[in-house]
Amino acid sequence: MHVLAVRITSFAASAVLAFAVGCGSRSTASDAAASGGPEVSKGTGIIFVTQPPPSPPKPAYTITADFSGSLPAGSGDACKETIVGPCTLTACTSTGMMPQPPALQAGTITVTTPEATAKLAPGPGPAYKGAMGTTPLWKSAGETLTVAASGGDIAAFTMMATTPGSINVISPAFPSAPMKLPVSTSKDLSFTWSGKGPGTVSVFIVVQATGVYASCDFDAAAGQATVPASLMGQLPKGNGAISVDLSSTTVMDVGGYQVTLRVDTGLLAGGPATFQ
């Protein structure tokens, strides 16, 4: 299954991470069959490189990585994906106690841009602690960012992505927390923004305590996007959250492991929402 990177307010952070990591990183044969996608025989990996624009705060950037093996078919969560226009709707149902997939590592990860270099190493054990820096990794949109892993449980690999631009989300107008944005599940949910890419505008919608979330990707150059009513109508009613960011994503197969590199701006807009 694909792995979603989500940056959202503290109100919904735990729920979002539970869905994004809990469902996204557990690769099973049954998941692949349910989603209609290719089966990932060995496991998955995700590398996040985040730098908020246009004047990054301190820390200026963060890098995280996670690699794991697959679980046997029928283990833990069963997640079904449905494609609806530019969006993917994911519904996960628990089959009982959720076993944890084996944690793996790919050695030292080196992130390089024309301006800077940063490193991320596993340990103790296979888990990556994460890295951050006080000066930006890149200065301009459209630069080439290269990630090279020295190899470990997963073989050495090199991936590249383009650094994203910056946008300003105009609508919907998210209220300040703890206020919630009221969202109708019976009509389109529209977004407008100014600014430009390169990059993909990613909208992430999660409904708390339901196992249901949606992700939608749009061309940043369009300046507007719509989450169709046909998807909104499949969301359960209740509290949740919405996030918007700009990203560049590369996916590759590394010896049977599906590894995703996502370079993004972090949360550009979003917050708590009530789906009604």
C-alpha atoms as a PDB file:
ATOM      1  CA  MET A   1       0.000   0.000   0.000  1.00  0.00           C
ATOM      2  CA  HIS A   2       1.040   3.571  -0.446  1.00  0.00           C
ATOM      3  CA  VAL A   3       2.358   5.498   2.570  1.00  0.00           C
ATOM      4  CA  LEU A   4       0.942   8.920   3.394  1.00  0.00           C
ATOM      5  CA  ALA A   5       2.819  11.730   4.848  1.00  0.00           C
ATOM      6  CA  VAL A   6       0.652  13.965   6.956  1.00  0.00           C
ATOM      7  CA  ARG A   7       1.392  17.220   8.731  1.00  0.00           C
ATOM      8  CA  ILE A   8      -1.566  18.472  10.747  1.00  0.00           C
ATOM      9  CA  THR A   9      -2.541  20.299  13.933  1.00  0.00           C
ATOM     10  CA  SER A  10      -1.947  18.732  17.352  1.00  0.00           C
ATOM     11  CA  PHE A  11      -5.708  18.209  17.691  1.00  0.00           C
ATOM     12  CA  ALA A  12      -5.658  15.361  15.201  1.00  0.00           C
ATOM     13  CA  ALA A  13      -1.987  14.381  15.071  1.00  0.00           C
ATOM     14  CA  SER A  14      -2.334  11.102  16.933  1.00  0.00           C
ATOM     15  CA  ALA A  15      -5.281   9.964  14.829  1.00  0.00           C
ATOM     16  CA  VAL A  16      -3.581  10.919  11.571  1.00  0.00           C
ATOM     17  CA  LEU A  17      -0.345   9.164  12.426  1.00  0.00           C
ATOM     18  CA  ALA A  18      -2.203   6.074  13.567  1.00  0.00           C
ATOM     19  CA  PHE A  19      -3.884   5.797  10.182  1.00  0.00           C
ATOM     20  CA  ALA A  20      -0.935   6.874   8.031  1.00  0.00           C
ATOM     21  CA  VAL A  21       1.641   4.711   9.744  1.00  0.00           C
ATOM     22  CA  GLY A  22      -0.585   1.980  11.130  1.00  0.00           C
ATOM     23  CA  CYS A  23      -2.244   1.142   7.844  1.00  0.00           C
ATOM     24  CA  GLY A  24       0.285   2.481   5.393  1.00  0.00           C
ATOM     25  CA  SER A  25       3.375   0.755   6.707  1.00  0.00           C
ATOM     26  CA  ARG A  26       1.862  -2.661   7.305  1.00  0.00           C
ATOM     27  CA  SER A  27       2.301  -4.381   3.995  1.00  0.00           C
ATOM     28  CA  THR A  28       0.466  -7.668   3.594  1.00  0.00           C
ATOM     29  CA  ALA A  29      -0.552  -9.796   0.666  1.00  0.00           C
ATOM     30  CA  SER A  30      -4.217  -9.275   1.547  1.00  0.00           C
ATOM     31  CA  ASP A  31      -3.746  -5.489   1.549  1.00  0.00           C
ATOM     32  CA  ALA A  32      -2.262  -5.587  -1.928  1.00  0.00           C
ATOM     33  CA  ALA A  33      -5.039  -7.761  -3.245  1.00  0.00           C
ATOM     34  CA  ALA A  34      -7.701  -5.512  -1.694  1.00  0.00           C
ATOM     35  CA  SER A  35      -6.186  -2.372  -3.169  1.00  0.00           C
ATOM     36  CA  GLY A  36      -5.834  -3.887  -6.608  1.00  0.00           C
ATOM     37  CA  GLY A  37      -2.198  -2.826  -6.710  1.00  0.00           C
ATOM     38  CA  PRO A  38       0.990  -4.823  -7.079  1.00  0.00           C
ATOM     39  CA  GLU A  39       1.853  -7.065  -4.189  1.00  0.00           C
ATOM     40  CA  VAL A  40       4.828  -5.926  -2.133  1.00  0.00           C
ATOM     41  CA  SER A  41       6.476  -9.203  -1.230  1.00  0.00           C
ATOM     42  CA  LYS A  42       9.011  -8.047   1.329  1.00  0.00           C
ATOM     43  CA  GLY A  43       7.949  -4.738   2.897  1.00  0.00           C
ATOM     44  CA  THR A  44       7.988  -0.983   2.636  1.00  0.00           C
ATOM     45  CA  GLY A  45      10.091   2.061   3.415  1.00  0.00           C
ATOM     46  CA  ILE A  46       9.370   5.776   3.692  1.00  0.00           C
ATOM     47  CA  ILE A  47      11.715   8.753   3.824  1.00  0.00           C
ATOM     48  CA  PHE A  48      10.244  12.169   4.670  1.00  0.00           C
ATOM     49  CA  VAL A  49      12.201  15.368   4.007  1.00  0.00           C
ATOM     50  CA  THR A  50      10.275  18.430   5.178  1.00  0.00           C
ATOM     51  CA  GLN A  51      11.174  22.120   4.854  1.00  0.00           C
ATOM     52  CA  PRO A  52       8.452  24.750   5.361  1.00  0.00           C
ATOM     53  CA  PRO A  53       8.540  27.748   2.972  1.00  0.00           C
ATOM     54  CA  PRO A  54       9.303  30.503   2.309  1.00  0.00           C
ATOM     55  CA  SER A  55      11.432  31.360   5.365  1.00  0.00           C
ATOM     56  CA  PRO A  56      11.927  28.111   7.271  1.00  0.00           C
ATOM     57  CA  PRO A  57      11.686  28.324  11.074  1.00  0.00           C
ATOM     58  CA  LYS A  58      14.080  26.561  13.416  1.00  0.00           C
ATOM     59  CA  PRO A  59      14.510  23.720  12.801  1.00  0.00           C
ATOM     60  CA  ALA A  60      14.657  24.650   9.134  1.00  0.00           C
ATOM     61  CA  TYR A  61      14.177  21.041   8.024  1.00  0.00           C
ATOM     62  CA  THR A  62      13.441  17.591   9.397  1.00  0.00           C
ATOM     63  CA  ILE A  63      14.258  14.151   7.984  1.00  0.00           C
ATOM     64  CA  THR A  64      12.655  10.922   9.136  1.00  0.00           C
ATOM     65  CA  ALA A  65      12.824   7.374   7.823  1.00  0.00           C
ATOM     66  CA  ASP A  66      11.116   4.093   8.559  1.00  0.00           C
ATOM     67  CA  PHE A  67      11.542   0.652   6.991  1.00  0.00           C
ATOM     68  CA  SER A  68       9.654  -2.517   7.835  1.00  0.00           C
ATOM     69  CA  GLY A  69       9.073  -6.020   6.603  1.00  0.00           C
ATOM     70  CA  SER A  70       5.698  -7.367   5.584  1.00  0.00           C
ATOM     71  CA  LEU A  71       3.202  -9.293   7.671  1.00  0.00           C
ATOM     72  CA  PRO A  72       1.602 -12.582   6.622  1.00  0.00           C
ATOM     73  CA  ALA A  73      -1.642 -12.277   4.689  1.00  0.00           C
ATOM     74  CA  GLY A  74      -4.570 -11.732   7.045  1.00  0.00           C
ATOM     75  CA  SER A  75      -2.470 -10.270   9.862  1.00  0.00           C
ATOM     76  CA  GLY A  76      -3.488  -7.131  11.737  1.00  0.00           C
ATOM     77  CA  ASP A  77      -5.434  -4.529   9.795  1.00  0.00           C
ATOM     78  CA  ALA A  78      -7.170  -5.237   6.503  1.00  0.00           C
ATOM     79  CA  CYS A  79      -7.268  -2.062   4.430  1.00  0.00           C
ATOM     80  CA  LYS A  80      -9.280  -1.580   1.251  1.00  0.00           C
ATOM     81  CA  GLU A  81      -8.518   1.211  -1.204  1.00  0.00           C
ATOM     82  CA  THR A  82     -11.009   2.745  -3.618  1.00  0.00           C
ATOM     83  CA  ILE A  83      -9.975   5.208  -6.342  1.00  0.00           C
ATOM     84  CA  VAL A  84     -12.418   8.105  -6.733  1.00  0.00           C
ATOM     85  CA  GLY A  85     -11.249  10.598  -9.364  1.00  0.00           C
ATOM     86  CA  PRO A  86      -8.009  12.207  -8.132  1.00  0.00           C
ATOM     87  CA  CYS A  87      -8.442  10.684  -4.667  1.00  0.00           C
ATOM     88  CA  THR A  88      -7.872   7.405  -2.865  1.00  0.00           C
ATOM     89  CA  LEU A  89     -10.296   6.395  -0.123  1.00  0.00           C
ATOM     90  CA  THR A  90      -8.868   3.929   2.398  1.00  0.00           C
ATOM     91  CA  ALA A  91     -10.920   1.985   4.931  1.00  0.00           C
ATOM     92  CA  CYS A  92      -9.136  -0.186   7.478  1.00  0.00           C
ATOM     93  CA  THR A  93     -10.781  -2.769   9.695  1.00  0.00           C
ATOM     94  CA  SER A  94      -8.970  -4.472  12.534  1.00  0.00           C
ATOM     95  CA  THR A  95      -8.903  -8.251  12.672  1.00  0.00           C
ATOM     96  CA  GLY A  96      -7.889  -8.224  16.320  1.00  0.00           C
ATOM     97  CA  MET A  97      -4.544  -7.518  17.969  1.00  0.00           C
ATOM     98  CA  MET A  98      -2.325  -5.634  15.545  1.00  0.00           C
ATOM     99  CA  PRO A  99       1.094  -7.291  15.261  1.00  0.00           C
ATOM    100  CA  GLN A 100       4.006  -5.012  14.495  1.00  0.00           C
ATOM    101  CA  PRO A 101       5.952  -5.698  11.298  1.00  0.00           C
ATOM    102  CA  PRO A 102       9.675  -6.286  11.768  1.00  0.00           C
ATOM    103  CA  ALA A 103      11.669  -3.035  11.834  1.00  0.00           C
ATOM    104  CA  LEU A 104      14.440  -2.885   9.247  1.00  0.00           C
ATOM    105  CA  GLN A 105      17.158  -0.432   8.211  1.00  0.00           C
ATOM    106  CA  ALA A 106      18.900   0.608   5.030  1.00  0.00           C
ATOM    107  CA  GLY A 107      22.137   1.880   6.564  1.00  0.00           C
ATOM    108  CA  THR A 108      23.174   5.535   6.656  1.00  0.00           C
ATOM    109  CA  ILE A 109      20.912   7.798   4.619  1.00  0.00           C
ATOM    110  CA  THR A 110      22.563  10.830   3.015  1.00  0.00           C
ATOM    111  CA  VAL A 111      20.383  13.669   1.725  1.00  0.00           C
ATOM    112  CA  THR A 112      22.082  16.058  -0.702  1.00  0.00           C
ATOM    113  CA  THR A 113      21.062  19.264  -2.488  1.00  0.00           C
ATOM    114  CA  PRO A 114      23.225  21.807  -4.319  1.00  0.00           C
ATOM    115  CA  GLU A 115      23.471  23.788  -1.061  1.00  0.00           C
ATOM    116  CA  ALA A 116      23.750  21.237   1.731  1.00  0.00           C
ATOM    117  CA  THR A 117      24.172  17.649   2.916  1.00  0.00           C
ATOM    118  CA  ALA A 118      22.503  15.910   5.853  1.00  0.00           C
ATOM    119  CA  LYS A 119      22.816  12.388   7.224  1.00  0.00           C
ATOM    120  CA  LEU A 120      20.462  10.040   9.052  1.00  0.00           C
ATOM    121  CA  ALA A 121      21.731   6.871  10.723  1.00  0.00           C
ATOM    122  CA  PRO A 122      19.904   3.981  12.383  1.00  0.00           C
ATOM    123  CA  GLY A 123      20.433   3.057  15.988  1.00  0.00           C
ATOM    124  CA  PRO A 124      20.298   1.809  18.504  1.00  0.00           C
ATOM    125  CA  GLY A 125      18.746  -1.068  16.611  1.00  0.00           C
ATOM    126  CA  PRO A 126      17.129  -0.628  13.198  1.00  0.00           C
ATOM    127  CA  ALA A 127      15.026   2.428  14.120  1.00  0.00           C
ATOM    128  CA  TYR A 128      15.983   5.854  12.759  1.00  0.00           C
ATOM    129  CA  LYS A 129      15.961   8.669  15.293  1.00  0.00           C
ATOM    130  CA  GLY A 130      15.439  11.454  12.762  1.00  0.00           C
ATOM    131  CA  ALA A 131      17.514  14.496  11.918  1.00  0.00           C
ATOM    132  CA  MET A 132      16.999  18.242  11.799  1.00  0.00           C
ATOM    133  CA  GLY A 133      18.984  21.323  10.921  1.00  0.00           C
ATOM    134  CA  THR A 134      18.892  25.050  11.568  1.00  0.00           C
ATOM    135  CA  THR A 135      19.784  26.102   8.025  1.00  0.00           C
ATOM    136  CA  PRO A 136      17.725  25.200   4.936  1.00  0.00           C
ATOM    137  CA  LEU A 137      18.558  22.181   2.805  1.00  0.00           C
ATOM    138  CA  TRP A 138      17.484  24.040  -0.341  1.00  0.00           C
ATOM    139  CA  LYS A 139      17.019  27.666  -1.333  1.00  0.00           C
ATOM    140  CA  SER A 140      14.836  27.440  -4.431  1.00  0.00           C
ATOM    141  CA  ALA A 141      11.981  25.395  -5.792  1.00  0.00           C
ATOM    142  CA  GLY A 142      12.882  22.950  -8.530  1.00  0.00           C
ATOM    143  CA  GLU A 143      16.261  21.860  -7.179  1.00  0.00           C
ATOM    144  CA  THR A 144      17.268  18.206  -7.298  1.00  0.00           C
ATOM    145  CA  LEU A 145      17.340  16.466  -3.924  1.00  0.00           C
ATOM    146  CA  THR A 146      19.195  13.151  -3.828  1.00  0.00           C
ATOM    147  CA  VAL A 147      18.831  10.449  -1.182  1.00  0.00           C
ATOM    148  CA  ALA A 148      21.449   7.702  -0.993  1.00  0.00           C
ATOM    149  CA  ALA A 149      21.208   4.777   1.443  1.00  0.00           C
ATOM    150  CA  SER A 150      24.387   2.819   2.169  1.00  0.00           C
ATOM    151  CA  GLY A 151      22.487  -0.450   2.633  1.00  0.00           C
ATOM    152  CA  GLY A 152      21.628  -2.753   5.530  1.00  0.00           C
ATOM    153  CA  ASP A 153      18.655  -5.097   5.806  1.00  0.00           C
ATOM    154  CA  ILE A 154      17.555  -3.362   2.609  1.00  0.00           C
ATOM    155  CA  ALA A 155      20.104  -3.029  -0.187  1.00  0.00           C
ATOM    156  CA  ALA A 156      21.814   0.265  -1.015  1.00  0.00           C
ATOM    157  CA  PHE A 157      19.798   2.581  -3.236  1.00  0.00           C
ATOM    158  CA  THR A 158      19.713   6.119  -4.608  1.00  0.00           C
ATOM    159  CA  MET A 159      16.566   8.176  -5.244  1.00  0.00           C
ATOM    160  CA  MET A 160      15.937  11.714  -6.466  1.00  0.00           C
ATOM    161  CA  ALA A 161      13.067  14.186  -6.140  1.00  0.00           C
ATOM    162  CA  THR A 162      12.437  17.836  -6.980  1.00  0.00           C
ATOM    163  CA  THR A 163      12.168  20.386  -4.176  1.00  0.00           C
ATOM    164  CA  PRO A 164       8.623  21.827  -4.024  1.00  0.00           C
ATOM    165  CA  GLY A 165       7.542  25.450  -4.403  1.00  0.00           C
ATOM    166  CA  SER A 166       5.106  27.313  -2.171  1.00  0.00           C
ATOM    167  CA  ILE A 167       1.388  28.031  -2.200  1.00  0.00           C
ATOM    168  CA  ASN A 168      -1.028  29.997  -0.034  1.00  0.00           C
ATOM    169  CA  VAL A 169      -4.339  28.237   0.571  1.00  0.00           C
ATOM    170  CA  ILE A 170      -7.223  30.698   0.108  1.00  0.00           C
ATOM    171  CA  SER A 171     -10.209  28.436   0.669  1.00  0.00           C
ATOM    172  CA  PRO A 172     -11.588  26.797   2.622  1.00  0.00           C
ATOM    173  CA  ALA A 173     -10.795  29.213   5.455  1.00  0.00           C
ATOM    174  CA  PHE A 174      -9.807  27.021   8.381  1.00  0.00           C
ATOM    175  CA  PRO A 175     -10.796  28.480  11.785  1.00  0.00           C
ATOM    176  CA  SER A 176      -8.317  28.723  14.634  1.00  0.00           C
ATOM    177  CA  ALA A 177      -8.189  25.675  16.910  1.00  0.00           C
ATOM    178  CA  PRO A 178     -10.106  24.443  18.822  1.00  0.00           C
ATOM    179  CA  MET A 179     -12.831  25.568  16.401  1.00  0.00           C
ATOM    180  CA  LYS A 180     -13.705  22.998  13.743  1.00  0.00           C
ATOM    181  CA  LEU A 181     -14.365  23.518  10.050  1.00  0.00           C
ATOM    182  CA  PRO A 182     -17.871  22.262   9.206  1.00  0.00           C
ATOM    183  CA  VAL A 183     -17.706  20.024   6.128  1.00  0.00           C
ATOM    184  CA  SER A 184     -20.678  18.625   4.233  1.00  0.00           C
ATOM    185  CA  THR A 185     -20.391  15.028   3.089  1.00  0.00           C
ATOM    186  CA  SER A 186     -23.147  15.540   0.509  1.00  0.00           C
ATOM    187  CA  LYS A 187     -21.301  17.899  -1.853  1.00  0.00           C
ATOM    188  CA  ASP A 188     -17.911  18.681  -3.378  1.00  0.00           C
ATOM    189  CA  LEU A 189     -15.176  20.022  -1.107  1.00  0.00           C
ATOM    190  CA  SER A 190     -13.345  22.755  -3.044  1.00  0.00           C
ATOM    191  CA  PHE A 191      -9.902  24.257  -2.512  1.00  0.00           C
ATOM    192  CA  THR A 192      -8.276  27.332  -4.050  1.00  0.00           C
ATOM    193  CA  TRP A 193      -4.740  28.630  -3.653  1.00  0.00           C
ATOM    194  CA  SER A 194      -2.268  31.157  -4.960  1.00  0.00           C
ATOM    195  CA  GLY A 195       1.384  30.519  -5.737  1.00  0.00           C
ATOM    196  CA  LYS A 196       2.842  27.718  -7.786  1.00  0.00           C
ATOM    197  CA  GLY A 197       4.895  24.557  -7.846  1.00  0.00           C
ATOM    198  CA  PRO A 198       6.708  22.593  -8.810  1.00  0.00           C
ATOM    199  CA  GLY A 199       4.988  19.977  -6.774  1.00  0.00           C
ATOM    200  CA  THR A 200       1.719  18.284  -6.032  1.00  0.00           C
ATOM    201  CA  VAL A 201      -0.907  19.733  -3.718  1.00  0.00           C
ATOM    202  CA  SER A 202      -1.876  16.922  -1.364  1.00  0.00           C
ATOM    203  CA  VAL A 203      -5.105  16.992   0.623  1.00  0.00           C
ATOM    204  CA  PHE A 204      -5.473  14.495   3.442  1.00  0.00           C
ATOM    205  CA  ILE A 205      -8.806  13.865   5.178  1.00  0.00           C
ATOM    206  CA  VAL A 206      -9.198  11.653   8.248  1.00  0.00           C
ATOM    207  CA  VAL A 207     -12.269  10.783  10.293  1.00  0.00           C
ATOM    208  CA  GLN A 208     -11.300   9.916  13.840  1.00  0.00           C
ATOM    209  CA  ALA A 209     -11.857   6.456  15.334  1.00  0.00           C
ATOM    210  CA  THR A 210     -13.265   5.025  12.091  1.00  0.00           C
ATOM    211  CA  GLY A 211     -10.265   3.644  10.195  1.00  0.00           C
ATOM    212  CA  VAL A 212     -11.277   5.755   7.199  1.00  0.00           C
ATOM    213  CA  TYR A 213      -9.127   8.354   5.497  1.00  0.00           C
ATOM    214  CA  ALA A 214      -8.734   9.880   2.042  1.00  0.00           C
ATOM    215  CA  SER A 215      -5.820  11.364   0.136  1.00  0.00           C
ATOM    216  CA  CYS A 216      -6.066  13.485  -3.001  1.00  0.00           C
ATOM    217  CA  ASP A 217      -3.306  14.831  -5.248  1.00  0.00           C
ATOM    218  CA  PHE A 218      -3.642  17.861  -7.519  1.00  0.00           C
ATOM    219  CA  ASP A 219      -1.376  19.814  -9.870  1.00  0.00           C
ATOM    220  CA  ALA A 220      -0.136  22.909  -8.028  1.00  0.00           C
ATOM    221  CA  ALA A 221      -0.279  24.941 -11.262  1.00  0.00           C
ATOM    222  CA  ALA A 222      -4.080  24.585 -11.423  1.00  0.00           C
ATOM    223  CA  GLY A 223      -4.732  26.949  -8.504  1.00  0.00           C
ATOM    224  CA  GLN A 224      -7.864  25.046  -7.556  1.00  0.00           C
ATOM    225  CA  ALA A 225      -9.082  21.533  -6.870  1.00  0.00           C
ATOM    226  CA  THR A 226     -12.170  19.594  -5.899  1.00  0.00           C
ATOM    227  CA  VAL A 227     -12.640  16.543  -3.722  1.00  0.00           C
ATOM    228  CA  PRO A 228     -15.693  15.048  -5.431  1.00  0.00           C
ATOM    229  CA  ALA A 229     -19.030  14.565  -3.689  1.00  0.00           C
ATOM    230  CA  SER A 230     -18.873  10.899  -4.709  1.00  0.00           C
ATOM    231  CA  LEU A 231     -15.965  10.488  -2.278  1.00  0.00           C
ATOM    232  CA  MET A 232     -17.251  12.833   0.418  1.00  0.00           C
ATOM    233  CA  GLY A 233     -20.439  10.801   0.585  1.00  0.00           C
ATOM    234  CA  GLN A 234     -18.446   7.706   1.552  1.00  0.00           C
ATOM    235  CA  LEU A 235     -16.894   9.366   4.614  1.00  0.00           C
ATOM    236  CA  PRO A 236     -18.404   8.552   7.996  1.00  0.00           C
ATOM    237  CA  LYS A 237     -19.918  11.474   9.867  1.00  0.00           C
ATOM    238  CA  GLY A 238     -18.022  12.738  12.902  1.00  0.00           C
ATOM    239  CA  ASN A 239     -14.941  14.673  13.971  1.00  0.00           C
ATOM    240  CA  GLY A 240     -11.686  14.515  12.098  1.00  0.00           C
ATOM    241  CA  ALA A 241      -9.159  16.721  10.382  1.00  0.00           C
ATOM    242  CA  ILE A 242      -7.951  18.008   7.019  1.00  0.00           C
ATOM    243  CA  SER A 243      -4.417  18.939   5.972  1.00  0.00           C
ATOM    244  CA  VAL A 244      -2.952  20.528   2.830  1.00  0.00           C
ATOM    245  CA  ASP A 245       0.694  20.445   1.783  1.00  0.00           C
ATOM    246  CA  LEU A 246       2.882  20.668  -1.318  1.00  0.00           C
ATOM    247  CA  SER A 247       5.147  17.762  -2.114  1.00  0.00           C
ATOM    248  CA  SER A 248       7.267  15.858  -4.598  1.00  0.00           C
ATOM    249  CA  THR A 249       7.208  12.070  -4.354  1.00  0.00           C
ATOM    250  CA  THR A 250       9.288   9.289  -5.882  1.00  0.00           C
ATOM    251  CA  VAL A 251       8.605   5.563  -5.459  1.00  0.00           C
ATOM    252  CA  MET A 252      10.941   2.744  -6.407  1.00  0.00           C
ATOM    253  CA  ASP A 253      11.352  -0.985  -5.895  1.00  0.00           C
ATOM    254  CA  VAL A 254      14.492  -1.922  -3.984  1.00  0.00           C
ATOM    255  CA  GLY A 255      14.919  -5.664  -4.081  1.00  0.00           C
ATOM    256  CA  GLY A 256      11.237  -6.284  -3.405  1.00  0.00           C
ATOM    257  CA  TYR A 257      10.753  -3.422  -0.939  1.00  0.00           C
ATOM    258  CA  GLN A 258       8.578  -0.489  -2.003  1.00  0.00           C
ATOM    259  CA  VAL A 259      10.484   2.626  -0.932  1.00  0.00           C
ATOM    260  CA  THR A 260       8.891   6.083  -1.056  1.00  0.00           C
ATOM    261  CA  LEU A 261      10.761   9.389  -0.932  1.00  0.00           C
ATOM    262  CA  ARG A 262       8.554  12.363  -0.121  1.00  0.00           C
ATOM    263  CA  VAL A 263       9.910  15.912  -0.094  1.00  0.00           C
ATOM    264  CA  ASP A 264       7.341  18.356   1.240  1.00  0.00           C
ATOM    265  CA  THR A 265       6.564  21.727   2.757  1.00  0.00           C
ATOM    266  CA  GLY A 266       4.887  20.442   5.887  1.00  0.00           C
ATOM    267  CA  LEU A 267       1.433  21.678   6.806  1.00  0.00           C
ATOM    268  CA  LEU A 268       0.389  24.706   4.736  1.00  0.00           C
ATOM    269  CA  ALA A 269      -3.242  24.771   5.839  1.00  0.00           C
ATOM    270  CA  GLY A 270      -5.614  22.577   7.775  1.00  0.00           C
ATOM    271  CA  GLY A 271      -7.070  21.784  11.141  1.00  0.00           C
ATOM    272  CA  PRO A 272      -9.911  20.061  12.951  1.00  0.00           C
ATOM    273  CA  ALA A 273     -13.104  19.421  10.982  1.00  0.00           C
ATOM    274  CA  THR A 274     -16.594  18.113  11.594  1.00  0.00           C
ATOM    275  CA  PHE A 275     -17.992  15.950   8.815  1.00  0.00           C
ATOM    276  CA  GLN A 276     -21.766  16.199   8.681  1.00  0.00           C
END
